[in-house]
Amino acid sequence: MAARSKAQLVTEVPLERFLLPVALVDVTAQDVAACSRELLGECDEVEAARRVFCFVRDGISHSWDIQSRRVTRSASDVLAYREGICYAKSHLAAALLRSRGVPAGICYQRLTLFDDASGGYAIHALNTVYLAPLDRWIRFDARGNKVGVDAQFSLEEERLAFLIRPDCGELDYLYNHAEPHPEIVATLMSNDDALVMYKERLPQSLEY
């Protein structure tokens, strides 16, 4: 389990920006709106965040885990094919919550691509969500669990997919993005084989 205290996120844009449709977070797509209505009903913000986390974590396969070459990019892509890498899965989670009127964003981490730094680094995506009843942001990681990965929804200590290892050169970018980072968008749009993209073409760092 990767647990840590609550992150101190850097949020530089108004809360309203975290409700808008943006590149690849296609909030107003019919299938996204329908899924949001069916999944969330009339539940409150906290329960909505928990349900979205569980749905994206457990109901959407990670492309690498199933060895799929399909590249999904937008929230509606992910819903249609029920698969995607962490970038695409984060777009779906944000879109579902925004469709319900819950502010949601995206955060990134720099991780080793495999067990250590010998294989290089890759940027990993996870989500942020503003919970009005608590008057604060939390993060969750709906990458998808597997052996060695046990992400959970938590309002207290973060239980993310990966624990940052500074001694391995890993970083936790605590910038709270209202839209996907341009380099992430470019990566998804310029690749058509998810396995090759995952092994060789993910960005290794982000500029801030």
N, C-alpha and C. Protein backbone atom coordinates (compact mmCIF):
# COMPACT_ATOMS: atom_id res chain seq x y z
N MET A 1 0.84 -1.19 0.00
CA MET A 1 0.00 0.00 0.00
C MET A 1 0.87 1.24 0.00
N ALA A 2 0.58 2.21 -0.88
CA ALA A 2 1.29 3.47 -0.91
C ALA A 2 0.46 4.51 -0.18
N ALA A 3 0.84 4.84 1.06
CA ALA A 3 0.07 5.79 1.86
C ALA A 3 0.94 6.97 2.22
N ARG A 4 0.34 8.16 2.27
CA ARG A 4 1.04 9.36 2.68
C ARG A 4 0.01 10.35 3.18
N SER A 5 0.48 11.37 3.90
CA SER A 5 -0.44 12.38 4.39
C SER A 5 -1.03 13.17 3.22
N LYS A 6 -2.04 13.97 3.50
CA LYS A 6 -2.72 14.73 2.45
C LYS A 6 -1.75 15.64 1.72
N ALA A 7 -1.82 15.67 0.40
CA ALA A 7 -0.92 16.49 -0.41
C ALA A 7 -1.32 17.95 -0.33
N GLN A 8 -0.34 18.83 -0.38
CA GLN A 8 -0.57 20.27 -0.46
C GLN A 8 -0.51 20.67 -1.93
N LEU A 9 -1.66 20.70 -2.57
CA LEU A 9 -1.71 20.94 -4.00
C LEU A 9 -1.58 22.43 -4.33
N VAL A 10 -0.95 22.71 -5.45
CA VAL A 10 -0.84 24.07 -5.97
C VAL A 10 -1.94 24.24 -7.02
N THR A 11 -2.95 25.05 -6.70
CA THR A 11 -4.08 25.29 -7.60
C THR A 11 -4.07 26.76 -7.98
N GLU A 12 -3.79 27.05 -9.26
CA GLU A 12 -3.55 28.42 -9.68
C GLU A 12 -4.69 29.03 -10.49
N VAL A 13 -5.75 28.28 -10.73
CA VAL A 13 -6.88 28.79 -11.51
C VAL A 13 -8.16 28.67 -10.69
N PRO A 14 -9.20 29.45 -11.01
CA PRO A 14 -10.45 29.40 -10.24
C PRO A 14 -11.10 28.02 -10.26
N LEU A 15 -11.84 27.75 -9.22
CA LEU A 15 -12.51 26.46 -9.08
C LEU A 15 -13.40 26.14 -10.27
N GLU A 16 -14.01 27.17 -10.84
CA GLU A 16 -14.92 26.96 -11.97
C GLU A 16 -14.24 26.31 -13.17
N ARG A 17 -12.94 26.51 -13.30
CA ARG A 17 -12.21 25.93 -14.43
C ARG A 17 -12.19 24.41 -14.35
N PHE A 18 -12.39 23.86 -13.18
CA PHE A 18 -12.35 22.42 -12.98
C PHE A 18 -13.70 21.75 -13.26
N LEU A 19 -14.62 22.52 -13.84
CA LEU A 19 -15.91 21.97 -14.24
C LEU A 19 -16.12 22.00 -15.76
N LEU A 20 -15.20 22.62 -16.47
CA LEU A 20 -15.39 22.86 -17.89
C LEU A 20 -14.94 21.68 -18.76
N PRO A 21 -15.56 21.50 -19.93
CA PRO A 21 -15.01 20.57 -20.92
C PRO A 21 -13.74 21.16 -21.51
N VAL A 22 -12.70 20.34 -21.59
CA VAL A 22 -11.41 20.76 -22.16
C VAL A 22 -10.89 19.63 -23.02
N ALA A 23 -9.73 19.83 -23.62
CA ALA A 23 -9.16 18.82 -24.51
C ALA A 23 -9.13 17.45 -23.85
N LEU A 24 -9.77 16.49 -24.46
CA LEU A 24 -9.82 15.07 -24.07
C LEU A 24 -10.66 14.80 -22.82
N VAL A 25 -11.07 15.84 -22.12
CA VAL A 25 -11.99 15.68 -20.99
C VAL A 25 -13.35 16.18 -21.50
N ASP A 26 -13.97 15.34 -22.31
CA ASP A 26 -15.17 15.74 -23.04
C ASP A 26 -16.42 15.56 -22.18
N VAL A 27 -16.59 16.50 -21.28
CA VAL A 27 -17.63 16.44 -20.26
C VAL A 27 -19.03 16.34 -20.87
N THR A 28 -19.25 17.04 -21.97
CA THR A 28 -20.60 17.11 -22.54
C THR A 28 -20.93 16.00 -23.53
N ALA A 29 -19.99 15.07 -23.76
CA ALA A 29 -20.29 13.95 -24.65
C ALA A 29 -21.48 13.16 -24.09
N GLN A 30 -22.36 12.72 -24.97
CA GLN A 30 -23.59 12.07 -24.53
C GLN A 30 -23.32 10.83 -23.68
N ASP A 31 -22.32 10.02 -24.10
CA ASP A 31 -22.06 8.79 -23.35
C ASP A 31 -21.46 9.09 -21.98
N VAL A 32 -20.67 10.13 -21.88
CA VAL A 32 -20.10 10.53 -20.58
C VAL A 32 -21.21 11.00 -19.65
N ALA A 33 -22.08 11.87 -20.17
CA ALA A 33 -23.18 12.36 -19.35
C ALA A 33 -24.11 11.24 -18.91
N ALA A 34 -24.39 10.30 -19.80
CA ALA A 34 -25.28 9.18 -19.46
C ALA A 34 -24.64 8.29 -18.40
N CYS A 35 -23.35 8.01 -18.55
CA CYS A 35 -22.65 7.18 -17.56
C CYS A 35 -22.63 7.87 -16.21
N SER A 36 -22.40 9.18 -16.21
CA SER A 36 -22.38 9.92 -14.96
C SER A 36 -23.73 9.86 -14.26
N ARG A 37 -24.80 10.04 -15.01
CA ARG A 37 -26.14 9.98 -14.41
C ARG A 37 -26.42 8.60 -13.82
N GLU A 38 -26.09 7.56 -14.57
CA GLU A 38 -26.37 6.20 -14.12
C GLU A 38 -25.52 5.82 -12.91
N LEU A 39 -24.26 6.21 -12.96
CA LEU A 39 -23.32 5.82 -11.91
C LEU A 39 -23.54 6.59 -10.61
N LEU A 40 -23.88 7.88 -10.74
CA LEU A 40 -23.85 8.75 -9.57
C LEU A 40 -25.23 9.11 -9.02
N GLY A 41 -26.24 9.11 -9.87
CA GLY A 41 -27.58 9.40 -9.37
C GLY A 41 -27.63 10.69 -8.58
N GLU A 42 -28.19 10.63 -7.38
CA GLU A 42 -28.34 11.82 -6.53
C GLU A 42 -27.38 11.80 -5.35
N CYS A 43 -26.31 11.04 -5.41
CA CYS A 43 -25.40 10.94 -4.28
C CYS A 43 -24.64 12.26 -4.06
N ASP A 44 -24.07 12.44 -2.88
CA ASP A 44 -23.34 13.67 -2.59
C ASP A 44 -21.94 13.62 -3.21
N GLU A 45 -21.18 14.70 -3.06
CA GLU A 45 -19.89 14.82 -3.72
C GLU A 45 -18.89 13.75 -3.27
N VAL A 46 -18.89 13.45 -1.98
CA VAL A 46 -17.94 12.47 -1.48
C VAL A 46 -18.23 11.09 -2.05
N GLU A 47 -19.49 10.71 -2.03
CA GLU A 47 -19.86 9.41 -2.59
C GLU A 47 -19.64 9.39 -4.10
N ALA A 48 -19.89 10.51 -4.77
CA ALA A 48 -19.63 10.58 -6.21
C ALA A 48 -18.17 10.33 -6.51
N ALA A 49 -17.29 10.95 -5.74
CA ALA A 49 -15.85 10.75 -5.96
C ALA A 49 -15.46 9.29 -5.73
N ARG A 50 -16.02 8.69 -4.68
CA ARG A 50 -15.70 7.29 -4.40
C ARG A 50 -16.19 6.38 -5.52
N ARG A 51 -17.40 6.61 -6.00
CA ARG A 51 -17.95 5.75 -7.06
C ARG A 51 -17.15 5.90 -8.36
N VAL A 52 -16.79 7.12 -8.70
CA VAL A 52 -16.00 7.32 -9.93
C VAL A 52 -14.66 6.64 -9.80
N PHE A 53 -14.01 6.82 -8.67
CA PHE A 53 -12.73 6.15 -8.44
C PHE A 53 -12.86 4.64 -8.64
N CYS A 54 -13.82 4.03 -8.00
CA CYS A 54 -13.97 2.57 -8.10
C CYS A 54 -14.31 2.14 -9.52
N PHE A 55 -15.17 2.90 -10.20
CA PHE A 55 -15.55 2.54 -11.56
C PHE A 55 -14.35 2.59 -12.50
N VAL A 56 -13.58 3.67 -12.44
CA VAL A 56 -12.45 3.80 -13.35
C VAL A 56 -11.33 2.85 -12.97
N ARG A 57 -11.09 2.68 -11.69
CA ARG A 57 -10.05 1.74 -11.25
C ARG A 57 -10.37 0.31 -11.65
N ASP A 58 -11.60 -0.13 -11.39
CA ASP A 58 -11.95 -1.55 -11.54
C ASP A 58 -12.67 -1.87 -12.85
N GLY A 59 -13.36 -0.88 -13.43
CA GLY A 59 -14.16 -1.15 -14.61
C GLY A 59 -13.48 -0.82 -15.92
N ILE A 60 -12.34 -0.14 -15.85
CA ILE A 60 -11.59 0.23 -17.05
C ILE A 60 -10.21 -0.41 -16.97
N SER A 61 -9.88 -1.25 -17.92
CA SER A 61 -8.59 -1.96 -17.90
C SER A 61 -7.46 -1.02 -18.27
N HIS A 62 -6.31 -1.21 -17.61
CA HIS A 62 -5.11 -0.48 -18.01
C HIS A 62 -4.51 -1.17 -19.23
N SER A 63 -4.20 -0.40 -20.26
CA SER A 63 -3.75 -0.97 -21.53
C SER A 63 -2.56 -1.90 -21.37
N TRP A 64 -1.61 -1.50 -20.52
CA TRP A 64 -0.42 -2.34 -20.35
C TRP A 64 -0.77 -3.65 -19.68
N ASP A 65 -1.66 -3.61 -18.70
CA ASP A 65 -2.02 -4.82 -17.96
C ASP A 65 -2.67 -5.86 -18.86
N ILE A 66 -3.43 -5.41 -19.86
CA ILE A 66 -4.08 -6.37 -20.76
C ILE A 66 -3.34 -6.49 -22.08
N GLN A 67 -2.21 -5.82 -22.18
CA GLN A 67 -1.36 -5.86 -23.39
C GLN A 67 -2.17 -5.51 -24.65
N SER A 68 -2.90 -4.42 -24.55
CA SER A 68 -3.68 -3.94 -25.68
C SER A 68 -2.93 -2.84 -26.41
N ARG A 69 -2.97 -2.87 -27.72
CA ARG A 69 -2.29 -1.85 -28.52
C ARG A 69 -3.18 -0.65 -28.82
N ARG A 70 -4.44 -0.70 -28.47
CA ARG A 70 -5.36 0.39 -28.77
C ARG A 70 -4.99 1.62 -27.93
N VAL A 71 -4.92 2.77 -28.55
CA VAL A 71 -4.69 4.03 -27.84
C VAL A 71 -6.03 4.74 -27.67
N THR A 72 -6.49 4.84 -26.43
CA THR A 72 -7.67 5.67 -26.14
C THR A 72 -7.17 7.00 -25.59
N ARG A 73 -7.89 8.04 -25.88
CA ARG A 73 -7.41 9.39 -25.55
C ARG A 73 -8.41 10.19 -24.72
N SER A 74 -9.61 10.31 -25.21
CA SER A 74 -10.64 11.12 -24.53
C SER A 74 -11.45 10.26 -23.57
N ALA A 75 -12.21 10.95 -22.73
CA ALA A 75 -13.10 10.24 -21.81
C ALA A 75 -14.06 9.33 -22.55
N SER A 76 -14.63 9.82 -23.65
CA SER A 76 -15.58 9.00 -24.40
C SER A 76 -14.90 7.81 -25.08
N ASP A 77 -13.64 7.98 -25.52
CA ASP A 77 -12.88 6.84 -26.04
C ASP A 77 -12.78 5.73 -24.99
N VAL A 78 -12.43 6.14 -23.79
CA VAL A 78 -12.22 5.17 -22.71
C VAL A 78 -13.52 4.45 -22.39
N LEU A 79 -14.61 5.19 -22.35
CA LEU A 79 -15.91 4.55 -22.10
C LEU A 79 -16.27 3.57 -23.20
N ALA A 80 -15.99 3.93 -24.44
CA ALA A 80 -16.38 3.08 -25.57
C ALA A 80 -15.64 1.76 -25.55
N TYR A 81 -14.35 1.78 -25.21
CA TYR A 81 -13.51 0.59 -25.32
C TYR A 81 -13.17 -0.03 -23.97
N ARG A 82 -13.48 0.67 -22.88
CA ARG A 82 -13.23 0.18 -21.52
C ARG A 82 -11.75 -0.13 -21.28
N GLU A 83 -10.87 0.71 -21.83
CA GLU A 83 -9.44 0.53 -21.61
C GLU A 83 -8.71 1.84 -21.84
N GLY A 84 -7.49 1.92 -21.32
CA GLY A 84 -6.65 3.10 -21.53
C GLY A 84 -5.49 3.08 -20.56
N ILE A 85 -4.45 3.86 -20.87
CA ILE A 85 -3.38 4.03 -19.90
C ILE A 85 -3.83 5.06 -18.87
N CYS A 86 -2.98 5.34 -17.89
CA CYS A 86 -3.38 6.22 -16.80
C CYS A 86 -3.82 7.59 -17.29
N TYR A 87 -3.20 8.11 -18.36
CA TYR A 87 -3.59 9.42 -18.87
C TYR A 87 -5.06 9.42 -19.26
N ALA A 88 -5.43 8.47 -20.08
CA ALA A 88 -6.80 8.39 -20.57
C ALA A 88 -7.79 8.11 -19.43
N LYS A 89 -7.39 7.26 -18.50
CA LYS A 89 -8.26 6.95 -17.38
C LYS A 89 -8.49 8.20 -16.51
N SER A 90 -7.47 9.03 -16.36
CA SER A 90 -7.65 10.26 -15.59
C SER A 90 -8.60 11.22 -16.30
N HIS A 91 -8.60 11.21 -17.62
CA HIS A 91 -9.53 12.06 -18.38
C HIS A 91 -10.97 11.61 -18.13
N LEU A 92 -11.19 10.31 -18.11
CA LEU A 92 -12.53 9.80 -17.85
C LEU A 92 -13.00 10.15 -16.44
N ALA A 93 -12.16 9.94 -15.45
CA ALA A 93 -12.55 10.23 -14.07
C ALA A 93 -12.92 11.70 -13.92
N ALA A 94 -12.09 12.58 -14.48
CA ALA A 94 -12.38 14.02 -14.39
C ALA A 94 -13.69 14.36 -15.10
N ALA A 95 -13.90 13.78 -16.27
CA ALA A 95 -15.11 14.09 -17.04
C ALA A 95 -16.38 13.63 -16.33
N LEU A 96 -16.34 12.44 -15.75
CA LEU A 96 -17.52 11.92 -15.04
C LEU A 96 -17.88 12.81 -13.85
N LEU A 97 -16.88 13.23 -13.10
CA LEU A 97 -17.15 14.08 -11.94
C LEU A 97 -17.62 15.47 -12.38
N ARG A 98 -16.99 16.03 -13.38
CA ARG A 98 -17.42 17.36 -13.87
C ARG A 98 -18.84 17.31 -14.39
N SER A 99 -19.19 16.23 -15.06
CA SER A 99 -20.54 16.09 -15.58
C SER A 99 -21.57 16.12 -14.46
N ARG A 100 -21.18 15.67 -13.29
CA ARG A 100 -22.05 15.66 -12.10
C ARG A 100 -21.97 16.98 -11.33
N GLY A 101 -21.11 17.91 -11.78
CA GLY A 101 -20.97 19.19 -11.10
C GLY A 101 -19.97 19.19 -9.98
N VAL A 102 -19.09 18.19 -9.97
CA VAL A 102 -18.05 18.10 -8.94
C VAL A 102 -16.72 18.52 -9.56
N PRO A 103 -16.06 19.55 -9.05
CA PRO A 103 -14.79 19.99 -9.63
C PRO A 103 -13.73 18.88 -9.55
N ALA A 104 -13.08 18.61 -10.67
CA ALA A 104 -12.08 17.55 -10.71
C ALA A 104 -10.96 17.95 -11.66
N GLY A 105 -9.74 17.55 -11.32
CA GLY A 105 -8.58 17.87 -12.13
C GLY A 105 -7.65 16.69 -12.26
N ILE A 106 -6.42 17.00 -12.66
CA ILE A 106 -5.42 15.97 -12.94
C ILE A 106 -4.10 16.39 -12.33
N CYS A 107 -3.39 15.44 -11.75
CA CYS A 107 -2.05 15.64 -11.20
C CYS A 107 -1.12 14.63 -11.87
N TYR A 108 0.18 14.89 -11.77
CA TYR A 108 1.16 14.00 -12.39
C TYR A 108 2.29 13.66 -11.42
N GLN A 109 2.87 12.50 -11.66
CA GLN A 109 4.07 12.05 -10.95
C GLN A 109 5.12 11.61 -11.97
N ARG A 110 6.37 11.75 -11.59
CA ARG A 110 7.48 11.19 -12.39
C ARG A 110 7.95 9.93 -11.68
N LEU A 111 7.77 8.80 -12.34
CA LEU A 111 8.10 7.50 -11.76
C LEU A 111 9.12 6.78 -12.64
N THR A 112 9.81 5.81 -12.04
CA THR A 112 10.60 4.91 -12.89
C THR A 112 9.62 4.09 -13.73
N LEU A 113 10.00 3.85 -14.98
CA LEU A 113 9.09 3.14 -15.87
C LEU A 113 8.84 1.72 -15.39
N PHE A 114 9.89 1.08 -14.90
CA PHE A 114 9.76 -0.27 -14.35
C PHE A 114 10.24 -0.26 -12.90
N ASP A 115 10.90 -1.27 -12.40
CA ASP A 115 11.19 -1.36 -10.97
C ASP A 115 12.25 -0.38 -10.49
N ASP A 116 13.17 0.00 -11.36
CA ASP A 116 14.21 0.94 -10.96
C ASP A 116 14.50 1.89 -12.12
N ALA A 117 15.47 2.78 -11.92
CA ALA A 117 15.72 3.82 -12.91
C ALA A 117 16.45 3.33 -14.15
N SER A 118 16.84 2.07 -14.20
CA SER A 118 17.59 1.57 -15.35
C SER A 118 16.77 1.61 -16.63
N GLY A 119 15.45 1.55 -16.51
CA GLY A 119 14.59 1.60 -17.69
C GLY A 119 14.11 2.99 -18.01
N GLY A 120 14.62 4.00 -17.29
CA GLY A 120 14.19 5.37 -17.51
C GLY A 120 12.94 5.72 -16.70
N TYR A 121 12.40 6.87 -17.01
CA TYR A 121 11.27 7.40 -16.26
C TYR A 121 10.05 7.58 -17.16
N ALA A 122 8.91 7.76 -16.53
CA ALA A 122 7.68 8.05 -17.26
C ALA A 122 6.78 8.89 -16.38
N ILE A 123 5.98 9.74 -17.02
CA ILE A 123 5.00 10.53 -16.29
C ILE A 123 3.74 9.69 -16.08
N HIS A 124 3.26 9.72 -14.85
CA HIS A 124 2.05 8.99 -14.45
C HIS A 124 0.98 10.01 -14.08
N ALA A 125 -0.28 9.72 -14.42
CA ALA A 125 -1.40 10.63 -14.15
C ALA A 125 -2.32 10.07 -13.07
N LEU A 126 -2.82 10.95 -12.24
CA LEU A 126 -3.83 10.62 -11.25
C LEU A 126 -4.79 11.80 -11.15
N ASN A 127 -5.79 11.71 -10.31
CA ASN A 127 -6.84 12.73 -10.28
C ASN A 127 -6.89 13.52 -8.98
N THR A 128 -7.42 14.73 -9.12
CA THR A 128 -7.77 15.56 -7.97
C THR A 128 -9.27 15.77 -7.98
N VAL A 129 -9.86 15.99 -6.82
CA VAL A 129 -11.29 16.28 -6.75
C VAL A 129 -11.52 17.19 -5.55
N TYR A 130 -12.33 18.23 -5.78
CA TYR A 130 -12.67 19.15 -4.70
C TYR A 130 -13.96 18.69 -4.06
N LEU A 131 -13.91 18.46 -2.75
CA LEU A 131 -15.07 17.98 -2.01
C LEU A 131 -15.61 19.12 -1.15
N ALA A 132 -16.72 19.70 -1.60
CA ALA A 132 -17.28 20.87 -0.93
C ALA A 132 -17.63 20.61 0.54
N PRO A 133 -18.19 19.43 0.90
CA PRO A 133 -18.50 19.21 2.31
C PRO A 133 -17.26 19.26 3.22
N LEU A 134 -16.08 18.98 2.65
CA LEU A 134 -14.84 19.01 3.42
C LEU A 134 -14.05 20.29 3.18
N ASP A 135 -14.47 21.06 2.17
CA ASP A 135 -13.79 22.29 1.78
C ASP A 135 -12.31 22.07 1.50
N ARG A 136 -12.01 21.00 0.75
CA ARG A 136 -10.61 20.75 0.38
C ARG A 136 -10.54 19.78 -0.80
N TRP A 137 -9.36 19.78 -1.40
CA TRP A 137 -9.03 18.85 -2.47
C TRP A 137 -8.46 17.56 -1.90
N ILE A 138 -8.74 16.46 -2.58
CA ILE A 138 -8.04 15.21 -2.32
C ILE A 138 -7.54 14.67 -3.66
N ARG A 139 -6.64 13.70 -3.60
CA ARG A 139 -6.20 13.00 -4.81
C ARG A 139 -6.60 11.54 -4.71
N PHE A 140 -6.85 10.94 -5.88
CA PHE A 140 -7.00 9.49 -5.96
C PHE A 140 -6.36 9.00 -7.24
N ASP A 141 -5.98 7.73 -7.24
CA ASP A 141 -5.28 7.14 -8.38
C ASP A 141 -6.04 5.92 -8.84
N ALA A 142 -6.74 6.08 -9.98
CA ALA A 142 -7.59 5.01 -10.52
C ALA A 142 -6.88 4.22 -11.61
N ARG A 143 -5.54 4.16 -11.56
CA ARG A 143 -4.76 3.43 -12.55
C ARG A 143 -5.25 2.01 -12.75
N GLY A 144 -5.61 1.35 -11.66
CA GLY A 144 -6.01 -0.06 -11.69
C GLY A 144 -5.06 -0.88 -10.86
N ASN A 145 -5.60 -1.65 -9.93
CA ASN A 145 -4.76 -2.44 -9.04
C ASN A 145 -4.28 -3.73 -9.69
N LYS A 146 -3.16 -4.21 -9.20
CA LYS A 146 -2.58 -5.47 -9.63
C LYS A 146 -1.61 -5.89 -8.54
N VAL A 147 -0.86 -6.95 -8.74
CA VAL A 147 0.12 -7.37 -7.74
C VAL A 147 1.10 -6.22 -7.50
N GLY A 148 1.21 -5.80 -6.24
CA GLY A 148 2.11 -4.71 -5.90
C GLY A 148 1.50 -3.33 -5.98
N VAL A 149 0.26 -3.22 -6.46
CA VAL A 149 -0.43 -1.93 -6.56
C VAL A 149 -1.78 -2.07 -5.86
N ASP A 150 -2.01 -1.24 -4.83
CA ASP A 150 -3.24 -1.34 -4.05
C ASP A 150 -3.75 0.07 -3.73
N ALA A 151 -4.21 0.78 -4.74
CA ALA A 151 -4.75 2.12 -4.55
C ALA A 151 -6.17 2.04 -4.00
N GLN A 152 -6.49 2.93 -3.06
CA GLN A 152 -7.80 2.96 -2.44
C GLN A 152 -8.29 4.40 -2.35
N PHE A 153 -9.60 4.56 -2.21
CA PHE A 153 -10.18 5.88 -1.99
C PHE A 153 -10.08 6.20 -0.51
N SER A 154 -9.52 7.36 -0.19
CA SER A 154 -9.34 7.72 1.22
C SER A 154 -9.48 9.23 1.39
N LEU A 155 -10.17 9.63 2.44
CA LEU A 155 -10.32 11.04 2.76
C LEU A 155 -9.24 11.52 3.72
N GLU A 156 -8.46 10.62 4.23
CA GLU A 156 -7.42 11.00 5.19
C GLU A 156 -6.05 10.80 4.55
N GLU A 157 -5.32 9.77 4.92
CA GLU A 157 -4.04 9.52 4.27
C GLU A 157 -4.27 9.07 2.83
N GLU A 158 -3.46 9.59 1.93
CA GLU A 158 -3.56 9.16 0.53
C GLU A 158 -3.13 7.71 0.40
N ARG A 159 -3.89 6.97 -0.37
CA ARG A 159 -3.54 5.57 -0.66
C ARG A 159 -3.46 5.44 -2.18
N LEU A 160 -2.36 5.92 -2.70
CA LEU A 160 -2.16 5.99 -4.15
C LEU A 160 -1.54 4.71 -4.67
N ALA A 161 -1.45 4.62 -5.99
CA ALA A 161 -0.90 3.41 -6.61
C ALA A 161 0.60 3.27 -6.35
N PHE A 162 1.30 4.41 -6.26
CA PHE A 162 2.76 4.36 -6.16
C PHE A 162 3.25 5.33 -5.09
N LEU A 163 4.18 4.86 -4.29
CA LEU A 163 4.84 5.68 -3.29
C LEU A 163 6.10 6.27 -3.92
N ILE A 164 6.21 7.59 -3.90
CA ILE A 164 7.34 8.26 -4.52
C ILE A 164 8.65 7.89 -3.81
N ARG A 165 9.67 7.58 -4.62
CA ARG A 165 11.01 7.22 -4.10
C ARG A 165 12.01 8.28 -4.58
N PRO A 166 12.25 9.31 -3.79
CA PRO A 166 13.18 10.37 -4.21
C PRO A 166 14.58 9.85 -4.51
N ASP A 167 15.00 8.80 -3.82
CA ASP A 167 16.35 8.26 -4.06
C ASP A 167 16.47 7.64 -5.45
N CYS A 168 15.33 7.34 -6.08
CA CYS A 168 15.34 6.81 -7.45
C CYS A 168 15.08 7.90 -8.49
N GLY A 169 15.02 9.15 -8.05
CA GLY A 169 14.77 10.24 -8.97
C GLY A 169 13.29 10.48 -9.26
N GLU A 170 12.41 9.90 -8.46
CA GLU A 170 10.99 10.09 -8.69
C GLU A 170 10.52 11.41 -8.06
N LEU A 171 9.46 11.97 -8.64
CA LEU A 171 8.95 13.27 -8.21
C LEU A 171 7.43 13.25 -8.12
N ASP A 172 6.90 14.00 -7.18
CA ASP A 172 5.46 14.20 -7.06
C ASP A 172 5.17 15.64 -7.49
N TYR A 173 4.64 15.81 -8.71
CA TYR A 173 4.28 17.15 -9.18
C TYR A 173 2.94 17.51 -8.53
N LEU A 174 2.94 18.47 -7.66
CA LEU A 174 1.73 18.79 -6.90
C LEU A 174 0.92 19.92 -7.53
N TYR A 175 1.13 20.15 -8.83
CA TYR A 175 0.32 21.13 -9.55
C TYR A 175 -1.02 20.51 -9.91
N ASN A 176 -2.07 21.22 -9.58
CA ASN A 176 -3.43 20.75 -9.82
C ASN A 176 -3.91 21.31 -11.16
N HIS A 177 -3.97 20.46 -12.17
CA HIS A 177 -4.27 20.89 -13.54
C HIS A 177 -5.77 20.85 -13.81
N ALA A 178 -6.30 21.95 -14.36
CA ALA A 178 -7.69 21.96 -14.79
C ALA A 178 -7.86 21.31 -16.16
N GLU A 179 -6.77 21.12 -16.90
CA GLU A 179 -6.81 20.43 -18.18
C GLU A 179 -5.53 19.62 -18.34
N PRO A 180 -5.56 18.59 -19.16
CA PRO A 180 -4.36 17.75 -19.32
C PRO A 180 -3.17 18.59 -19.76
N HIS A 181 -2.01 18.24 -19.26
CA HIS A 181 -0.78 18.92 -19.65
C HIS A 181 -0.59 18.78 -21.16
N PRO A 182 -0.17 19.85 -21.85
CA PRO A 182 -0.01 19.78 -23.31
C PRO A 182 0.89 18.64 -23.77
N GLU A 183 1.90 18.30 -23.00
CA GLU A 183 2.79 17.21 -23.42
C GLU A 183 2.08 15.86 -23.35
N ILE A 184 1.16 15.73 -22.41
CA ILE A 184 0.38 14.50 -22.31
C ILE A 184 -0.58 14.39 -23.50
N VAL A 185 -1.23 15.49 -23.83
CA VAL A 185 -2.12 15.50 -24.99
C VAL A 185 -1.35 15.15 -26.26
N ALA A 186 -0.17 15.77 -26.43
CA ALA A 186 0.64 15.51 -27.63
C ALA A 186 1.07 14.05 -27.71
N THR A 187 1.41 13.47 -26.58
CA THR A 187 1.83 12.06 -26.55
C THR A 187 0.70 11.16 -27.03
N LEU A 188 -0.48 11.37 -26.50
CA LEU A 188 -1.61 10.53 -26.89
C LEU A 188 -1.99 10.72 -28.36
N MET A 189 -1.95 11.94 -28.81
CA MET A 189 -2.40 12.22 -30.18
C MET A 189 -1.40 11.77 -31.23
N SER A 190 -0.14 11.61 -30.85
CA SER A 190 0.89 11.27 -31.84
C SER A 190 1.25 9.79 -31.86
N ASN A 191 0.53 8.98 -31.10
CA ASN A 191 0.82 7.55 -31.05
C ASN A 191 -0.41 6.73 -31.41
N ASP A 192 -0.18 5.58 -32.04
CA ASP A 192 -1.29 4.70 -32.39
C ASP A 192 -1.06 3.25 -31.95
N ASP A 193 -0.05 3.03 -31.12
CA ASP A 193 0.22 1.71 -30.56
C ASP A 193 0.51 1.90 -29.08
N ALA A 194 -0.42 1.48 -28.23
CA ALA A 194 -0.31 1.75 -26.80
C ALA A 194 0.90 1.08 -26.16
N LEU A 195 1.25 -0.11 -26.63
CA LEU A 195 2.38 -0.82 -26.02
C LEU A 195 3.71 -0.15 -26.35
N VAL A 196 3.87 0.25 -27.60
CA VAL A 196 5.08 0.98 -27.99
C VAL A 196 5.13 2.32 -27.26
N MET A 197 4.01 3.00 -27.21
CA MET A 197 3.95 4.28 -26.51
C MET A 197 4.35 4.12 -25.06
N TYR A 198 3.82 3.11 -24.40
CA TYR A 198 4.09 2.90 -22.98
C TYR A 198 5.55 2.58 -22.72
N LYS A 199 6.14 1.76 -23.56
CA LYS A 199 7.53 1.33 -23.34
C LYS A 199 8.55 2.38 -23.76
N GLU A 200 8.24 3.16 -24.79
CA GLU A 200 9.28 3.98 -25.42
C GLU A 200 8.97 5.46 -25.56
N ARG A 201 7.71 5.88 -25.45
CA ARG A 201 7.38 7.22 -25.89
C ARG A 201 6.65 8.08 -24.86
N LEU A 202 6.55 7.63 -23.63
CA LEU A 202 5.95 8.48 -22.62
C LEU A 202 6.93 9.57 -22.21
N PRO A 203 6.45 10.77 -21.94
CA PRO A 203 7.37 11.82 -21.46
C PRO A 203 8.02 11.41 -20.14
N GLN A 204 9.28 11.77 -19.98
CA GLN A 204 10.02 11.40 -18.78
C GLN A 204 10.00 12.49 -17.71
N SER A 205 9.58 13.70 -18.06
CA SER A 205 9.48 14.78 -17.11
C SER A 205 8.54 15.83 -17.68
N LEU A 206 8.07 16.74 -16.84
CA LEU A 206 7.23 17.84 -17.26
C LEU A 206 7.88 19.15 -16.82
N GLU A 207 7.71 20.17 -17.64
CA GLU A 207 8.26 21.48 -17.32
C GLU A 207 7.22 22.34 -16.63
N TYR A 208 7.66 23.03 -15.57
CA TYR A 208 6.78 23.97 -14.84
C TYR A 208 7.53 25.27 -14.63
